[in-house]
């Protein structure tokens, strides 16, 4: 009985293994490419968000400076004893007293009576800036450390430098302490920018 010997030159029948391996490699490369694209997109978004946050912080600093300028222009004026101290204006972002419990500054409702820069219009970077000035006293419509409605208006204050430099002098002399203490004020600013970026900045100042 004759036996047929396989021809070594005849190509083997393809079984599809190479195709399967190639498809697996292509899928892996596709997934790697998608992951890389997402990583780049996330980095770009993160970098953009950081830029918007820095822009909002710079804008909030402008609000702090505006609040300090307003306070300086009204320093020494008894109008600082009252909250709404500009005739015909319901609020200028000024409070002559603070509550014992601090505000939730992240709540937009706390900024309802805040003063707005640029008439409430966004700046060139798209940031809308508000500021609030608060006198660090317990009572409104009352002079610092005065008694109003049977209560003493306790204010945060710092002794004047003149009061602190009396070493070696006769402190029994009349009118030795010639200057009143400097009252503390808090200036808070809020900037709302693109992509819902919100920055709140606060500083304390003291004015005689």
N, C-alpha and C. Protein backbone atom coordinates (compact mmCIF):
# COMPACT_ATOMS: atom_id res chain seq x y z
N UNK A 1 0.86 -1.19 0.00
CA UNK A 1 0.00 0.00 0.00
C UNK A 1 0.88 1.22 0.00
N UNK A 2 0.65 2.09 -0.91
CA UNK A 2 1.52 3.26 -1.07
C UNK A 2 1.12 4.35 -0.07
N UNK A 3 2.15 4.96 0.49
CA UNK A 3 1.95 6.10 1.40
C UNK A 3 2.43 7.38 0.75
N UNK A 4 1.60 8.42 0.94
CA UNK A 4 1.96 9.72 0.36
C UNK A 4 2.73 10.51 1.39
N UNK A 5 3.94 10.93 1.05
CA UNK A 5 4.76 11.73 1.94
C UNK A 5 4.40 13.21 1.78
N UNK A 6 4.29 13.96 2.92
CA UNK A 6 3.98 15.41 2.82
C UNK A 6 5.10 16.15 2.13
N UNK A 7 4.72 17.05 1.30
CA UNK A 7 5.69 17.85 0.57
C UNK A 7 6.20 18.96 1.48
N UNK A 8 7.49 18.97 1.83
CA UNK A 8 8.02 20.02 2.73
C UNK A 8 7.94 21.39 2.13
N UNK A 9 7.79 21.57 0.86
CA UNK A 9 7.73 22.87 0.23
C UNK A 9 6.31 23.44 0.21
N UNK A 10 5.31 22.62 0.57
CA UNK A 10 3.93 23.08 0.53
C UNK A 10 3.64 23.88 1.80
N UNK A 11 3.12 25.14 1.72
CA UNK A 11 2.84 25.98 2.91
C UNK A 11 1.74 25.36 3.77
N UNK A 12 1.94 25.52 5.09
CA UNK A 12 0.94 25.01 6.01
C UNK A 12 -0.34 25.85 5.92
N UNK A 13 -1.44 25.19 6.25
CA UNK A 13 -2.71 25.89 6.23
C UNK A 13 -2.77 26.91 7.39
N UNK A 14 -3.15 28.15 7.07
CA UNK A 14 -3.21 29.19 8.08
C UNK A 14 -4.31 28.86 9.10
N UNK A 15 -3.96 29.04 10.40
CA UNK A 15 -4.92 28.76 11.46
C UNK A 15 -5.45 30.04 12.13
N UNK A 16 -4.97 31.26 11.73
CA UNK A 16 -5.50 32.52 12.25
C UNK A 16 -4.84 33.02 13.53
N UNK A 17 -3.83 32.33 14.03
CA UNK A 17 -3.18 32.73 15.28
C UNK A 17 -2.50 34.08 15.12
N UNK A 18 -1.83 34.29 14.00
CA UNK A 18 -1.13 35.56 13.79
C UNK A 18 -2.11 36.72 13.74
N UNK A 19 -3.26 36.49 13.12
CA UNK A 19 -4.27 37.55 13.02
C UNK A 19 -4.82 37.91 14.41
N UNK A 20 -5.03 36.90 15.22
CA UNK A 20 -5.54 37.17 16.57
C UNK A 20 -4.53 37.97 17.38
N UNK A 21 -3.26 37.58 17.28
CA UNK A 21 -2.21 38.31 18.02
C UNK A 21 -2.13 39.76 17.53
N UNK A 22 -2.21 39.94 16.22
CA UNK A 22 -2.15 41.30 15.66
C UNK A 22 -3.32 42.14 16.15
N UNK A 23 -4.51 41.55 16.22
CA UNK A 23 -5.68 42.29 16.70
C UNK A 23 -5.51 42.68 18.17
N UNK A 24 -4.98 41.77 18.97
CA UNK A 24 -4.74 42.07 20.39
C UNK A 24 -3.77 43.24 20.53
N UNK A 25 -2.70 43.20 19.72
CA UNK A 25 -1.72 44.29 19.79
C UNK A 25 -2.35 45.61 19.36
N UNK A 26 -3.18 45.59 18.32
CA UNK A 26 -3.84 46.81 17.87
C UNK A 26 -4.78 47.37 18.94
N UNK A 27 -5.52 46.47 19.59
CA UNK A 27 -6.43 46.92 20.66
C UNK A 27 -5.64 47.55 21.80
N UNK A 28 -4.53 46.89 22.17
CA UNK A 28 -3.69 47.43 23.26
C UNK A 28 -3.13 48.79 22.89
N UNK A 29 -2.66 48.94 21.65
CA UNK A 29 -2.13 50.22 21.20
C UNK A 29 -3.23 51.29 21.16
N UNK A 30 -4.43 50.90 20.77
CA UNK A 30 -5.55 51.86 20.73
C UNK A 30 -5.89 52.33 22.14
N UNK A 31 -5.95 51.39 23.08
CA UNK A 31 -6.24 51.77 24.46
C UNK A 31 -5.16 52.68 25.02
N UNK A 32 -3.91 52.38 24.70
CA UNK A 32 -2.82 53.22 25.17
C UNK A 32 -2.92 54.63 24.58
N UNK A 33 -3.29 54.69 23.29
CA UNK A 33 -3.44 56.01 22.66
C UNK A 33 -4.59 56.80 23.28
N UNK A 34 -5.71 56.13 23.56
CA UNK A 34 -6.84 56.82 24.19
C UNK A 34 -6.46 57.32 25.57
N UNK A 35 -5.74 56.46 26.34
CA UNK A 35 -5.32 56.87 27.68
C UNK A 35 -4.39 58.08 27.61
N UNK A 36 -3.50 58.09 26.63
CA UNK A 36 -2.59 59.22 26.48
C UNK A 36 -3.33 60.50 26.13
N UNK A 37 -4.32 60.39 25.22
CA UNK A 37 -5.10 61.56 24.84
C UNK A 37 -5.88 62.10 26.04
N UNK A 38 -6.46 61.20 26.83
CA UNK A 38 -7.21 61.64 28.00
C UNK A 38 -6.28 62.31 29.01
N UNK A 39 -5.08 61.77 29.15
CA UNK A 39 -4.12 62.36 30.08
C UNK A 39 -3.74 63.76 29.64
N UNK A 40 -3.52 63.94 28.33
CA UNK A 40 -3.17 65.26 27.81
C UNK A 40 -4.33 66.23 28.00
N UNK A 41 -5.57 65.75 27.71
CA UNK A 41 -6.75 66.60 27.89
C UNK A 41 -6.91 67.01 29.34
N UNK A 42 -6.72 66.05 30.26
CA UNK A 42 -6.85 66.36 31.68
C UNK A 42 -5.81 67.36 32.13
N UNK A 43 -4.58 67.20 31.64
CA UNK A 43 -3.52 68.15 31.98
C UNK A 43 -3.83 69.54 31.46
N UNK A 44 -4.37 69.60 30.25
CA UNK A 44 -4.72 70.91 29.67
C UNK A 44 -5.84 71.57 30.46
N UNK A 45 -6.84 70.77 30.83
CA UNK A 45 -7.96 71.32 31.61
C UNK A 45 -7.46 71.79 32.97
N UNK A 46 -6.60 70.98 33.61
CA UNK A 46 -6.06 71.34 34.92
C UNK A 46 -5.25 72.62 34.85
N UNK A 47 -4.41 72.71 33.80
CA UNK A 47 -3.62 73.93 33.64
C UNK A 47 -4.51 75.15 33.41
N UNK A 48 -5.59 74.95 32.64
CA UNK A 48 -6.52 76.06 32.41
C UNK A 48 -7.23 76.47 33.68
N UNK A 49 -7.64 75.47 34.48
CA UNK A 49 -8.30 75.79 35.74
C UNK A 49 -7.38 76.54 36.69
N UNK A 50 -6.11 76.14 36.74
CA UNK A 50 -5.15 76.84 37.59
C UNK A 50 -4.98 78.29 37.12
N UNK A 51 -4.94 78.48 35.82
CA UNK A 51 -4.80 79.84 35.29
C UNK A 51 -6.02 80.69 35.65
N UNK A 52 -7.23 80.12 35.53
CA UNK A 52 -8.43 80.86 35.91
C UNK A 52 -8.43 81.16 37.40
N UNK A 53 -7.95 80.20 38.21
CA UNK A 53 -7.91 80.41 39.66
C UNK A 53 -6.94 81.54 40.01
N UNK A 54 -5.79 81.56 39.37
CA UNK A 54 -4.83 82.64 39.62
C UNK A 54 -5.39 83.99 39.18
N UNK A 55 -6.10 83.99 38.06
CA UNK A 55 -6.71 85.23 37.59
C UNK A 55 -7.75 85.72 38.59
N UNK A 56 -8.56 84.80 39.14
CA UNK A 56 -9.57 85.18 40.13
C UNK A 56 -8.92 85.69 41.41
N UNK A 57 -7.80 85.09 41.78
CA UNK A 57 -7.09 85.54 42.98
C UNK A 57 -6.56 86.96 42.80
N UNK A 58 -5.99 87.23 41.64
CA UNK A 58 -5.51 88.59 41.36
C UNK A 58 -6.66 89.59 41.35
N UNK A 59 -7.80 89.17 40.80
CA UNK A 59 -8.96 90.06 40.79
C UNK A 59 -9.47 90.32 42.21
N UNK A 60 -9.46 89.27 43.05
CA UNK A 60 -9.89 89.45 44.44
C UNK A 60 -8.97 90.41 45.18
N UNK A 61 -7.69 90.36 44.86
CA UNK A 61 -6.76 91.32 45.47
C UNK A 61 -7.14 92.76 45.11
N UNK A 62 -7.63 92.96 43.90
CA UNK A 62 -8.10 94.29 43.51
C UNK A 62 -9.29 94.71 44.38
N UNK A 63 -10.14 93.73 44.72
CA UNK A 63 -11.26 94.03 45.60
C UNK A 63 -10.80 94.42 46.99
N UNK A 64 -9.77 93.74 47.50
CA UNK A 64 -9.22 94.09 48.81
C UNK A 64 -8.66 95.51 48.79
N UNK A 65 -7.95 95.85 47.73
CA UNK A 65 -7.38 97.19 47.63
C UNK A 65 -8.49 98.25 47.54
N UNK A 66 -9.58 97.92 46.83
CA UNK A 66 -10.69 98.87 46.74
C UNK A 66 -11.34 99.06 48.11
N UNK A 67 -11.49 97.98 48.88
CA UNK A 67 -12.04 98.10 50.21
C UNK A 67 -11.16 98.91 51.14
N UNK A 68 -9.85 98.71 51.04
CA UNK A 68 -8.92 99.49 51.85
C UNK A 68 -8.96 100.97 51.46
N UNK A 69 -9.08 101.24 50.17
CA UNK A 69 -9.15 102.63 49.72
C UNK A 69 -10.42 103.29 50.23
N UNK A 70 -11.55 102.56 50.18
CA UNK A 70 -12.80 103.13 50.70
C UNK A 70 -12.67 103.40 52.19
N UNK A 71 -12.06 102.46 52.92
CA UNK A 71 -11.91 102.64 54.36
C UNK A 71 -11.02 103.83 54.67
N UNK A 72 -9.94 103.98 53.93
CA UNK A 72 -9.03 105.10 54.16
C UNK A 72 -9.71 106.43 53.89
N UNK A 73 -10.56 106.46 52.88
CA UNK A 73 -11.24 107.72 52.55
C UNK A 73 -12.27 108.10 53.60
N UNK A 74 -12.72 107.14 54.41
CA UNK A 74 -13.71 107.42 55.45
C UNK A 74 -13.13 107.37 56.85
N UNK A 75 -11.81 107.24 56.95
CA UNK A 75 -11.18 107.13 58.26
C UNK A 75 -11.40 108.41 59.06
N UNK A 76 -11.63 108.25 60.37
CA UNK A 76 -11.84 109.40 61.23
C UNK A 76 -13.22 110.00 61.13
N UNK A 77 -14.10 109.37 60.38
CA UNK A 77 -15.45 109.89 60.18
C UNK A 77 -16.44 109.08 61.01
N UNK A 78 -17.34 109.74 61.67
CA UNK A 78 -18.33 109.03 62.47
C UNK A 78 -19.29 108.22 61.62
N UNK A 79 -19.23 108.40 60.29
CA UNK A 79 -20.06 107.58 59.41
C UNK A 79 -19.69 106.10 59.52
N UNK A 80 -18.47 105.82 59.98
CA UNK A 80 -18.06 104.43 60.14
C UNK A 80 -18.78 103.75 61.30
N UNK A 81 -19.55 104.50 62.07
CA UNK A 81 -20.31 103.90 63.16
C UNK A 81 -21.58 103.23 62.65
N UNK A 82 -22.00 103.57 61.43
CA UNK A 82 -23.26 103.07 60.88
C UNK A 82 -23.00 102.27 59.61
N UNK A 83 -23.81 101.25 59.40
CA UNK A 83 -23.60 100.38 58.24
C UNK A 83 -23.82 101.11 56.91
N UNK A 84 -25.03 101.55 56.64
CA UNK A 84 -25.35 102.19 55.36
C UNK A 84 -25.06 103.68 55.48
N UNK A 85 -23.84 104.04 55.22
CA UNK A 85 -23.40 105.40 55.55
C UNK A 85 -23.30 106.32 54.35
N UNK A 86 -23.86 105.95 53.21
CA UNK A 86 -23.87 106.82 52.04
C UNK A 86 -25.33 107.13 51.71
N UNK A 87 -25.75 108.39 51.80
CA UNK A 87 -27.14 108.73 51.54
C UNK A 87 -27.58 108.28 50.15
N UNK A 88 -28.76 107.66 50.10
CA UNK A 88 -29.30 107.23 48.82
C UNK A 88 -28.78 105.90 48.34
N UNK A 89 -27.86 105.31 49.07
CA UNK A 89 -27.31 104.01 48.68
C UNK A 89 -27.65 103.01 49.79
N UNK A 90 -28.27 101.91 49.42
CA UNK A 90 -28.72 100.96 50.43
C UNK A 90 -27.56 100.27 51.11
N UNK A 91 -26.50 100.02 50.39
CA UNK A 91 -25.35 99.36 50.99
C UNK A 91 -24.09 99.66 50.18
N UNK A 92 -23.00 99.87 50.89
CA UNK A 92 -21.71 100.07 50.22
C UNK A 92 -20.74 98.98 50.65
N UNK A 93 -21.28 97.87 51.09
CA UNK A 93 -20.43 96.77 51.50
C UNK A 93 -19.76 97.00 52.84
N UNK A 94 -20.33 97.87 53.67
CA UNK A 94 -19.71 98.18 54.96
C UNK A 94 -20.62 97.77 56.11
N UNK A 95 -20.03 97.13 57.11
CA UNK A 95 -20.73 96.75 58.34
C UNK A 95 -19.95 97.31 59.51
N UNK A 96 -20.64 98.00 60.40
CA UNK A 96 -19.98 98.62 61.54
C UNK A 96 -19.82 97.69 62.73
N UNK A 97 -20.26 96.44 62.57
CA UNK A 97 -20.10 95.45 63.64
C UNK A 97 -20.01 94.06 63.03
N UNK A 98 -19.56 93.12 63.83
CA UNK A 98 -19.47 91.73 63.40
C UNK A 98 -20.19 90.86 64.42
N UNK A 99 -20.65 89.72 63.96
CA UNK A 99 -21.31 88.77 64.85
C UNK A 99 -20.27 87.92 65.56
N UNK A 100 -20.68 87.32 66.65
CA UNK A 100 -19.75 86.47 67.40
C UNK A 100 -19.39 85.22 66.62
N UNK A 101 -20.30 84.79 65.76
CA UNK A 101 -20.03 83.62 64.91
C UNK A 101 -19.75 84.09 63.50
N UNK A 102 -18.63 83.66 62.96
CA UNK A 102 -18.22 84.16 61.65
C UNK A 102 -19.15 83.65 60.55
N UNK A 103 -19.14 84.38 59.46
CA UNK A 103 -20.00 84.04 58.32
C UNK A 103 -19.43 82.85 57.55
N UNK A 104 -20.32 82.22 56.81
CA UNK A 104 -19.90 81.21 55.85
C UNK A 104 -19.62 81.93 54.54
N UNK A 105 -18.36 82.28 54.35
CA UNK A 105 -18.00 83.13 53.21
C UNK A 105 -18.18 82.44 51.87
N UNK A 106 -18.30 81.11 51.88
CA UNK A 106 -18.53 80.40 50.62
C UNK A 106 -19.99 80.48 50.18
N UNK A 107 -20.87 80.96 51.06
CA UNK A 107 -22.28 81.10 50.73
C UNK A 107 -22.50 82.41 49.97
N UNK A 108 -22.97 82.35 48.72
CA UNK A 108 -23.19 83.58 47.95
C UNK A 108 -24.15 84.54 48.62
N UNK A 109 -25.06 84.04 49.47
CA UNK A 109 -26.02 84.93 50.13
C UNK A 109 -25.34 85.91 51.07
N UNK A 110 -24.15 85.57 51.55
CA UNK A 110 -23.44 86.47 52.45
C UNK A 110 -22.89 87.70 51.72
N UNK A 111 -22.90 87.65 50.39
CA UNK A 111 -22.34 88.75 49.60
C UNK A 111 -23.43 89.59 48.95
N UNK A 112 -24.67 89.46 49.44
CA UNK A 112 -25.79 90.18 48.83
C UNK A 112 -25.58 91.69 48.90
N UNK A 113 -25.11 92.19 50.04
CA UNK A 113 -24.93 93.63 50.23
C UNK A 113 -23.50 94.10 49.99
N UNK A 114 -22.72 93.29 49.31
CA UNK A 114 -21.33 93.65 49.05
C UNK A 114 -21.24 94.75 47.99
N UNK A 115 -20.19 95.53 48.07
CA UNK A 115 -19.91 96.50 47.02
C UNK A 115 -19.28 95.79 45.83
N UNK A 116 -19.58 96.23 44.64
CA UNK A 116 -19.09 95.59 43.42
C UNK A 116 -18.17 96.52 42.66
N UNK A 117 -17.07 95.98 42.17
CA UNK A 117 -16.17 96.76 41.32
C UNK A 117 -16.74 96.84 39.91
N UNK A 118 -16.42 97.92 39.22
CA UNK A 118 -16.84 98.11 37.83
C UNK A 118 -18.36 98.05 37.67
N UNK A 119 -19.07 98.46 38.72
CA UNK A 119 -20.53 98.44 38.64
C UNK A 119 -21.10 97.04 38.51
N UNK A 120 -20.35 96.04 38.96
CA UNK A 120 -20.83 94.66 38.88
C UNK A 120 -20.55 93.99 37.56
N UNK A 121 -19.84 94.67 36.66
CA UNK A 121 -19.50 94.10 35.36
C UNK A 121 -18.18 93.33 35.44
N UNK A 122 -18.02 92.26 34.66
CA UNK A 122 -16.76 91.51 34.68
C UNK A 122 -15.60 92.35 34.15
N UNK A 123 -14.40 92.05 34.63
CA UNK A 123 -13.22 92.72 34.12
C UNK A 123 -12.78 92.08 32.80
N UNK A 124 -11.62 92.46 32.30
CA UNK A 124 -11.17 91.95 31.01
C UNK A 124 -10.93 90.44 31.02
N UNK A 125 -10.71 89.87 32.21
CA UNK A 125 -10.49 88.43 32.32
C UNK A 125 -11.77 87.67 32.66
N UNK A 126 -12.89 88.39 32.72
CA UNK A 126 -14.16 87.73 33.00
C UNK A 126 -14.46 87.55 34.47
N UNK A 127 -13.74 88.26 35.36
CA UNK A 127 -13.96 88.13 36.79
C UNK A 127 -14.85 89.26 37.31
N UNK A 128 -15.84 88.89 38.10
CA UNK A 128 -16.69 89.86 38.78
C UNK A 128 -16.25 89.92 40.24
N UNK A 129 -15.98 91.12 40.74
CA UNK A 129 -15.34 91.29 42.04
C UNK A 129 -16.25 92.04 43.00
N UNK A 130 -16.34 91.53 44.22
CA UNK A 130 -17.12 92.15 45.29
C UNK A 130 -16.23 92.29 46.53
N UNK A 131 -16.57 93.26 47.38
CA UNK A 131 -15.82 93.38 48.64
C UNK A 131 -16.74 93.84 49.76
N UNK A 132 -16.35 93.48 50.97
CA UNK A 132 -17.07 93.84 52.20
C UNK A 132 -16.04 94.33 53.21
N UNK A 133 -16.37 95.43 53.89
CA UNK A 133 -15.53 95.98 54.95
C UNK A 133 -16.31 95.88 56.26
N UNK A 134 -15.67 95.34 57.29
CA UNK A 134 -16.32 95.17 58.58
C UNK A 134 -15.49 95.81 59.69
N UNK A 135 -16.16 96.57 60.54
CA UNK A 135 -15.51 97.08 61.74
C UNK A 135 -15.59 96.00 62.81
N UNK A 136 -14.47 95.68 63.40
CA UNK A 136 -14.42 94.57 64.35
C UNK A 136 -14.90 95.03 65.72
N UNK A 137 -16.18 95.39 65.77
CA UNK A 137 -16.83 95.85 67.00
C UNK A 137 -18.08 95.03 67.25
N UNK A 138 -18.54 95.04 68.48
CA UNK A 138 -19.72 94.26 68.85
C UNK A 138 -21.03 94.97 68.57
N UNK A 139 -21.03 96.31 68.48
CA UNK A 139 -22.27 97.07 68.29
C UNK A 139 -22.15 97.99 67.08
N UNK A 140 -23.26 98.16 66.36
CA UNK A 140 -23.31 99.15 65.29
C UNK A 140 -23.90 100.44 65.84
N UNK A 141 -23.75 101.50 65.06
CA UNK A 141 -24.25 102.83 65.44
C UNK A 141 -23.74 103.24 66.82
N UNK A 142 -22.48 102.93 67.08
CA UNK A 142 -21.92 103.22 68.40
C UNK A 142 -20.43 103.46 68.25
N UNK A 143 -19.92 104.45 68.98
CA UNK A 143 -18.49 104.75 68.95
C UNK A 143 -17.71 103.61 69.61
N UNK A 144 -16.47 103.42 69.22
CA UNK A 144 -15.67 102.36 69.84
C UNK A 144 -15.55 102.54 71.34
N UNK A 145 -15.79 101.46 72.07
CA UNK A 145 -15.66 101.41 73.53
C UNK A 145 -16.66 102.30 74.26
N UNK A 146 -17.64 102.82 73.54
CA UNK A 146 -18.69 103.62 74.17
C UNK A 146 -19.82 102.71 74.65
N UNK A 147 -20.67 103.24 75.51
CA UNK A 147 -21.81 102.48 76.02
C UNK A 147 -23.06 102.91 75.26
N UNK A 148 -23.68 101.98 74.57
CA UNK A 148 -24.89 102.24 73.79
C UNK A 148 -25.93 101.19 74.17
N UNK A 149 -27.13 101.66 74.51
CA UNK A 149 -28.21 100.76 74.91
C UNK A 149 -27.76 99.85 76.05
N UNK A 150 -27.06 100.45 76.99
CA UNK A 150 -26.59 99.75 78.20
C UNK A 150 -25.56 98.67 77.91
N UNK A 151 -24.96 98.72 76.73
CA UNK A 151 -23.92 97.75 76.37
C UNK A 151 -22.67 98.48 75.93
N UNK A 152 -21.53 97.92 76.27
CA UNK A 152 -20.27 98.51 75.88
C UNK A 152 -19.88 97.98 74.50
N UNK A 153 -19.55 98.89 73.62
CA UNK A 153 -19.15 98.51 72.27
C UNK A 153 -17.68 98.08 72.28
N UNK A 154 -17.46 96.80 72.42
CA UNK A 154 -16.11 96.26 72.49
C UNK A 154 -15.57 96.12 71.07
N UNK A 155 -14.41 96.72 70.82
CA UNK A 155 -13.82 96.69 69.47
C UNK A 155 -12.41 96.10 69.54
N UNK A 156 -12.09 95.37 68.51
CA UNK A 156 -10.71 94.93 68.36
C UNK A 156 -9.84 96.12 68.05
N UNK A 157 -8.78 96.32 68.81
CA UNK A 157 -7.96 97.52 68.63
C UNK A 157 -6.53 97.22 69.01
N UNK A 158 -5.64 98.08 68.55
CA UNK A 158 -4.22 98.01 68.86
C UNK A 158 -3.78 99.34 69.42
N UNK A 159 -3.10 99.37 70.58
CA UNK A 159 -2.63 100.65 71.12
C UNK A 159 -1.72 101.36 70.13
N UNK A 160 -1.83 102.68 70.09
CA UNK A 160 -0.98 103.46 69.20
C UNK A 160 0.47 103.35 69.64
N UNK A 161 1.38 103.49 68.70
CA UNK A 161 2.81 103.38 69.04
C UNK A 161 3.24 104.44 70.05
N UNK A 162 2.56 105.58 70.05
CA UNK A 162 2.88 106.63 71.02
C UNK A 162 2.62 106.14 72.44
N UNK A 163 1.57 105.33 72.58
CA UNK A 163 1.23 104.81 73.88
C UNK A 163 2.22 103.74 74.34
N UNK A 164 2.92 103.16 73.40
CA UNK A 164 3.81 102.06 73.74
C UNK A 164 5.24 102.52 73.99
N UNK A 165 5.53 103.81 73.80
CA UNK A 165 6.92 104.28 73.90
C UNK A 165 7.10 105.27 75.05
N UNK A 166 6.49 104.98 76.20
CA UNK A 166 6.56 105.90 77.32
C UNK A 166 7.51 105.47 78.41
N UNK A 167 8.44 104.56 78.11
CA UNK A 167 9.37 104.11 79.13
C UNK A 167 10.21 105.28 79.65
N UNK A 168 10.29 105.38 80.97
CA UNK A 168 11.13 106.40 81.58
C UNK A 168 10.47 107.75 81.70
N UNK A 169 9.20 107.87 81.23
CA UNK A 169 8.50 109.16 81.31
C UNK A 169 7.51 109.14 82.46
N UNK A 170 7.08 110.30 82.82
CA UNK A 170 6.12 110.44 83.90
C UNK A 170 4.73 110.13 83.37
N UNK A 171 4.25 108.91 83.63
CA UNK A 171 2.96 108.50 83.10
C UNK A 171 1.80 109.12 83.86
N UNK A 172 2.10 109.82 84.96
CA UNK A 172 1.02 110.50 85.68
C UNK A 172 0.69 111.85 85.08
N UNK A 173 1.49 112.27 84.11
CA UNK A 173 1.24 113.56 83.48
C UNK A 173 -0.07 113.51 82.73
N UNK A 174 -0.82 114.61 82.73
CA UNK A 174 -2.12 114.62 82.04
C UNK A 174 -1.94 114.47 80.53
N UNK A 175 -2.88 113.80 79.92
CA UNK A 175 -2.90 113.61 78.46
C UNK A 175 -1.64 112.93 77.95
N UNK A 176 -1.12 112.01 78.76
CA UNK A 176 0.09 111.31 78.29
C UNK A 176 -0.23 110.47 77.06
N UNK A 177 -1.35 109.77 77.14
CA UNK A 177 -1.75 108.97 75.98
C UNK A 177 -2.52 109.89 75.04
N UNK A 178 -1.81 110.43 74.08
CA UNK A 178 -2.40 111.49 73.24
C UNK A 178 -3.21 110.96 72.08
N UNK A 179 -3.02 109.69 71.70
CA UNK A 179 -3.71 109.18 70.52
C UNK A 179 -4.62 108.02 70.89
N UNK A 180 -5.78 107.92 70.25
CA UNK A 180 -6.68 106.80 70.52
C UNK A 180 -6.11 105.52 69.91
N UNK A 181 -6.54 104.36 70.38
CA UNK A 181 -6.06 103.11 69.79
C UNK A 181 -6.58 102.95 68.36
N UNK A 182 -5.87 102.19 67.57
CA UNK A 182 -6.27 101.95 66.19
C UNK A 182 -7.30 100.82 66.16
N UNK A 183 -8.44 101.10 65.56
CA UNK A 183 -9.51 100.11 65.48
C UNK A 183 -9.22 99.14 64.33
N UNK A 184 -9.54 97.90 64.54
CA UNK A 184 -9.31 96.88 63.52
C UNK A 184 -10.52 96.75 62.59
N UNK A 185 -10.23 96.58 61.32
CA UNK A 185 -11.26 96.35 60.30
C UNK A 185 -10.85 95.13 59.47
N UNK A 186 -11.85 94.42 58.99
CA UNK A 186 -11.59 93.27 58.12
C UNK A 186 -12.14 93.56 56.74
N UNK A 187 -11.30 93.36 55.74
CA UNK A 187 -11.70 93.55 54.35
C UNK A 187 -11.73 92.18 53.67
N UNK A 188 -12.88 91.82 53.14
CA UNK A 188 -13.05 90.54 52.45
C UNK A 188 -13.43 90.81 51.00
N UNK A 189 -12.85 90.06 50.10
CA UNK A 189 -13.13 90.23 48.67
C UNK A 189 -13.42 88.87 48.05
N UNK A 190 -14.31 88.88 47.08
CA UNK A 190 -14.72 87.65 46.38
C UNK A 190 -14.70 87.90 44.88
N UNK A 191 -14.03 87.03 44.16
CA UNK A 191 -13.97 87.12 42.70
C UNK A 191 -14.59 85.87 42.10
N UNK A 192 -15.51 86.07 41.17
CA UNK A 192 -16.16 84.96 40.47
C UNK A 192 -15.77 85.07 39.00
N UNK A 193 -15.11 84.01 38.51
CA UNK A 193 -14.59 84.06 37.15
C UNK A 193 -15.10 82.94 36.27
N UNK A 194 -14.49 82.75 35.11
CA UNK A 194 -14.90 81.69 34.18
C UNK A 194 -14.73 80.31 34.80
N UNK A 195 -15.49 79.35 34.26
CA UNK A 195 -15.47 77.96 34.74
C UNK A 195 -15.80 77.87 36.23
N UNK A 196 -16.63 78.78 36.70
CA UNK A 196 -17.07 78.78 38.09
C UNK A 196 -15.91 78.88 39.08
N UNK A 197 -14.86 79.54 38.66
CA UNK A 197 -13.73 79.75 39.58
C UNK A 197 -14.09 80.85 40.57
N UNK A 198 -13.96 80.54 41.85
CA UNK A 198 -14.29 81.48 42.93
C UNK A 198 -13.11 81.57 43.88
N UNK A 199 -12.70 82.79 44.18
CA UNK A 199 -11.61 83.02 45.12
C UNK A 199 -12.05 84.05 46.15
N UNK A 200 -11.77 83.77 47.41
CA UNK A 200 -12.09 84.68 48.51
C UNK A 200 -10.80 85.05 49.23
N UNK A 201 -10.57 86.34 49.39
CA UNK A 201 -9.35 86.85 50.02
C UNK A 201 -9.77 87.78 51.16
N UNK A 202 -9.06 87.68 52.29
CA UNK A 202 -9.35 88.53 53.43
C UNK A 202 -8.05 89.13 53.98
N UNK A 203 -8.19 90.32 54.56
CA UNK A 203 -7.05 90.96 55.21
C UNK A 203 -7.59 91.83 56.35
N UNK A 204 -6.72 92.09 57.32
CA UNK A 204 -7.10 92.96 58.45
C UNK A 204 -6.26 94.24 58.37
N UNK A 205 -6.90 95.35 58.62
CA UNK A 205 -6.21 96.64 58.66
C UNK A 205 -6.61 97.36 59.94
N UNK A 206 -5.84 98.32 60.34
CA UNK A 206 -6.16 99.12 61.53
C UNK A 206 -6.02 100.60 61.19
N UNK A 207 -6.96 101.36 61.65
CA UNK A 207 -7.01 102.80 61.34
C UNK A 207 -7.40 103.53 62.62
N UNK A 208 -6.73 104.67 62.87
CA UNK A 208 -7.09 105.49 64.02
C UNK A 208 -8.42 106.18 63.78
